[in-house]
Amino acid sequence: MRIEYRRTFSQFVDNYLSKYYSTGTNTFYHLAGGPSLILVGILTVNYTRGISIPFFRGLFWLAGFSAAAYGILYTLLPLINIFLVWLRREDFLGPEGALISLELDTKKQIIKITDPEGNMELAFSEILRIQHRSDSAWIVTKSDQVISIPRENLLSGDLDAFISALEKILEENEQKF
């Protein structure tokens, strides 16, 4: 069974933001961390205006403005990272529209992955889980790599059939052990 699709920058952005904001316990920190630091910084500056000793007032203001600035940076971090990848997208993602193919090889118990950078083989035993998303599916490996397969605009193959076959194979392998 084989799937082919073309890689795009918009797929990268969707996958990056999805992974960034859904990383288990860090979800709260990624969503509320920046605004919380901004609020703490503003409150620190606001409530220390009444301090009569200029050195301590300046010290608290420096801490408050630093916390607010770091909160702004933390809030904008995903956009900054996306912008930096966009600047060098050819280096990070390969050419826009590069052909990617995944093929199940049940005899060797591997997935053959072919992209412009070369060929790779992923053993079924290295697959940690498969996550279903509305517009794609993720194959998460034990080494914490994520292989994203889009649901739409496939050149060949059927994502649902591919994932179902892979899940069936993984289930059978799990029952053997």
Protein backbone atom coordinates (compact mmCIF):
# COMPACT_ATOMS: atom_id res chain seq x y z
CA MET A 1 0.00 0.00 0.00
CA ARG A 2 1.39 3.39 -1.03
CA ILE A 3 0.62 7.07 -0.46
CA GLU A 4 2.10 10.03 -2.32
CA TYR A 5 1.68 13.73 -1.63
CA ARG A 6 3.48 17.04 -2.10
CA ARG A 7 4.95 18.87 0.88
CA THR A 8 3.84 22.48 1.41
CA PHE A 9 4.76 25.26 3.82
CA SER A 10 1.14 25.56 4.96
CA GLN A 11 1.22 21.90 6.06
CA PHE A 12 4.33 22.69 8.10
CA VAL A 13 2.64 25.69 9.75
CA ASP A 14 -0.46 23.67 10.62
CA ASN A 15 1.58 20.80 12.06
CA TYR A 16 3.97 23.08 13.96
CA LEU A 17 1.19 25.05 15.64
CA SER A 18 -0.74 21.86 16.42
CA LYS A 19 2.31 20.27 18.05
CA TYR A 20 3.31 23.47 19.87
CA TYR A 21 -0.08 24.00 21.49
CA SER A 22 -0.90 20.36 22.18
CA THR A 23 2.20 19.02 23.91
CA GLY A 24 0.51 17.49 26.92
CA THR A 25 1.16 19.37 30.14
CA ASN A 26 2.82 22.31 28.38
CA THR A 27 -0.46 23.35 26.72
CA PHE A 28 -1.39 25.64 29.61
CA TYR A 29 2.06 27.23 29.69
CA HIS A 30 2.09 27.82 25.94
CA LEU A 31 -1.38 29.37 25.94
CA ALA A 32 -1.32 31.38 29.17
CA GLY A 33 2.37 31.80 29.94
CA GLY A 34 3.04 34.89 27.86
CA PRO A 35 -0.10 36.84 28.81
CA SER A 36 0.44 35.90 32.47
CA LEU A 37 3.98 37.27 32.43
CA ILE A 38 2.78 40.45 30.75
CA LEU A 39 0.14 40.88 33.45
CA VAL A 40 2.63 40.23 36.27
CA GLY A 41 5.03 42.76 34.75
CA ILE A 42 2.37 45.44 34.38
CA LEU A 43 1.08 44.86 37.91
CA THR A 44 4.63 45.01 39.30
CA VAL A 45 5.29 48.35 37.63
CA ASN A 46 1.86 49.71 38.61
CA TYR A 47 1.96 48.74 42.30
CA THR A 48 5.55 49.85 42.88
CA ARG A 49 4.97 53.44 41.80
CA GLY A 50 4.44 54.41 45.42
CA ILE A 51 7.87 53.26 46.58
CA SER A 52 9.71 56.37 47.76
CA ILE A 53 13.27 55.04 47.43
CA PRO A 54 14.27 55.53 43.77
CA PHE A 55 16.73 52.60 43.72
CA PHE A 56 14.12 50.04 44.78
CA ARG A 57 11.46 51.59 42.55
CA GLY A 58 13.86 51.35 39.60
CA LEU A 59 14.74 47.78 40.51
CA PHE A 60 11.06 46.73 40.61
CA TRP A 61 10.33 48.62 37.38
CA LEU A 62 13.22 46.87 35.67
CA ALA A 63 11.89 43.51 36.87
CA GLY A 64 8.34 44.40 35.80
CA PHE A 65 9.32 45.64 32.34
CA SER A 66 11.59 42.62 31.88
CA ALA A 67 8.76 40.23 32.80
CA ALA A 68 6.37 42.01 30.41
CA ALA A 69 8.94 42.01 27.58
CA TYR A 70 9.65 38.31 28.11
CA GLY A 71 5.88 37.65 28.15
CA ILE A 72 5.51 39.41 24.79
CA LEU A 73 8.41 37.40 23.38
CA TYR A 74 6.98 34.15 24.79
CA THR A 75 3.57 34.92 23.27
CA LEU A 76 5.06 35.68 19.85
CA LEU A 77 7.57 32.79 19.88
CA PRO A 78 5.58 30.46 17.57
CA LEU A 79 5.17 33.24 15.00
CA ILE A 80 8.85 34.12 15.22
CA ASN A 81 9.81 30.46 14.68
CA ILE A 82 7.46 30.16 11.71
CA PHE A 83 8.91 33.35 10.23
CA LEU A 84 12.48 32.07 10.67
CA VAL A 85 11.59 28.77 8.98
CA TRP A 86 9.84 30.71 6.19
CA LEU A 87 13.07 32.66 5.58
CA ARG A 88 15.00 29.42 5.08
CA ARG A 89 12.19 27.10 4.00
CA GLU A 90 14.26 25.56 1.20
CA ASP A 91 16.89 24.47 3.74
CA PHE A 92 14.45 23.17 6.38
CA LEU A 93 11.60 21.75 4.33
CA GLY A 94 13.17 21.11 0.96
CA PRO A 95 11.69 22.47 -2.24
CA GLU A 96 8.03 23.54 -2.12
CA GLY A 97 5.90 20.79 -3.59
CA ALA A 98 8.52 18.08 -3.04
CA LEU A 99 7.12 14.61 -3.63
CA ILE A 100 6.88 12.43 -0.52
CA SER A 101 5.87 8.78 -0.69
CA LEU A 102 5.19 6.25 2.06
CA GLU A 103 4.88 2.55 1.33
CA LEU A 104 4.00 -0.28 3.70
CA ASP A 105 6.28 -3.29 3.37
CA THR A 106 4.66 -6.02 5.45
CA LYS A 107 7.33 -8.60 4.66
CA LYS A 108 10.17 -6.50 6.08
CA GLN A 109 7.89 -4.90 8.72
CA ILE A 110 8.86 -1.37 7.65
CA ILE A 111 7.47 1.80 6.12
CA LYS A 112 9.57 2.99 3.20
CA ILE A 113 9.67 6.80 3.14
CA THR A 114 10.96 8.49 0.01
CA ASP A 115 11.53 12.23 -0.25
CA PRO A 116 13.98 14.48 -2.16
CA GLU A 117 16.58 14.11 0.60
CA GLY A 118 16.70 10.35 0.18
CA ASN A 119 15.10 7.14 1.32
CA MET A 120 14.39 6.11 4.88
CA GLU A 121 13.01 2.97 6.44
CA LEU A 122 10.89 3.10 9.58
CA ALA A 123 10.46 -0.19 11.39
CA PHE A 124 6.96 -0.94 12.68
CA SER A 125 8.50 -1.58 16.10
CA GLU A 126 9.64 2.07 16.22
CA ILE A 127 6.10 3.43 15.89
CA LEU A 128 4.78 4.66 19.21
CA ARG A 129 1.27 5.69 18.16
CA ILE A 130 -0.88 7.00 15.35
CA GLN A 131 -2.86 10.16 15.91
CA HIS A 132 -5.88 10.97 13.80
CA ARG A 133 -6.55 14.61 13.01
CA SER A 134 -9.34 16.16 10.97
CA ASP A 135 -7.04 17.17 8.12
CA SER A 136 -4.14 14.73 8.51
CA ALA A 137 -2.71 11.82 10.47
CA TRP A 138 0.48 11.70 12.49
CA ILE A 139 2.76 8.71 12.91
CA VAL A 140 4.68 9.32 16.15
CA THR A 141 7.88 7.33 16.59
CA LYS A 142 9.68 6.28 19.77
CA SER A 143 12.44 8.78 18.94
CA ASP A 144 9.77 11.53 19.13
CA GLN A 145 9.69 12.21 15.39
CA VAL A 146 6.34 12.96 13.78
CA ILE A 147 5.51 11.96 10.22
CA SER A 148 2.53 13.95 9.07
CA ILE A 149 0.36 12.73 6.20
CA PRO A 150 -2.26 15.13 4.83
CA ARG A 151 -5.80 13.88 4.29
CA GLU A 152 -6.47 16.01 1.22
CA ASN A 153 -4.54 16.60 -2.00
CA LEU A 154 -2.97 13.13 -2.05
CA LEU A 155 -1.49 12.27 -5.43
CA SER A 156 -2.13 8.58 -4.92
CA GLY A 157 -3.49 6.31 -2.24
CA ASP A 158 -6.11 6.64 0.45
CA LEU A 159 -5.06 7.90 3.88
CA ASP A 160 -7.82 6.11 5.77
CA ALA A 161 -7.01 2.78 4.12
CA PHE A 162 -3.27 3.30 4.70
CA ILE A 163 -3.70 4.14 8.39
CA SER A 164 -6.20 1.32 8.92
CA ALA A 165 -3.79 -1.19 7.38
CA LEU A 166 -0.92 0.17 9.50
CA GLU A 167 -3.00 0.03 12.69
CA LYS A 168 -4.05 -3.54 11.90
CA ILE A 169 -0.40 -4.58 11.41
CA LEU A 170 0.65 -2.83 14.64
CA GLU A 171 -2.19 -4.51 16.53
CA GLU A 172 -1.17 -7.94 15.21
CA ASN A 173 2.47 -7.31 16.16
CA GLU A 174 1.42 -6.21 19.62
CA GLN A 175 -0.62 -9.34 20.16
CA LYS A 176 2.36 -11.51 19.23
CA PHE A 177 4.33 -10.12 22.15
